[in-house]
Each structure stands twice: as structure tokens, then as C-alpha cells.
């Protein structure tokens, strides 16, 4: 049972790394080429996320810390 759970955890860790890598690639492509098909406005979405966190004050700071906690795992 432990072997199966560790295998499942490894699979999710690998998928998370792939998704984060694809997100980084999408950001670079979006900045270089504007609105790229199948990628959309990733940079615009990130800017709006940062603006909404900035307008939220301390709650935005707490949310940003939680989001960074997910990436640091």
C-alpha cells in the first residue's frame, strides 16, 4: 500500500513539474508573440492576478504566501 501511494505521489509531483514548465513556456511565448493560439493571454491573466492581490491588502499577502508555498513543495 505504501509503495502504491509513493508511486502516486511521484506521478503527481512529475505532473506538477510539467504543468509549471508549460506555464513558464506559455508566459515566454505570450510575451514574445502576443496572443498565441492555444495559450491565450497568460501574461494578462498573471498581471490581473497580481493587481487583485495588491488591491486586497493583507489578505492578498496571505494568499500570495499560500500560492508560493504550493510552488516550493
Foldseek 3Di string as FASTA:
>chain_A
DVVVVVVVVVVVVVVVVVVVVVLVVLVVCCVVPPADPPSGNSVVVVVVLVVVLVVVPPVSVVVVVVVVVVVVD
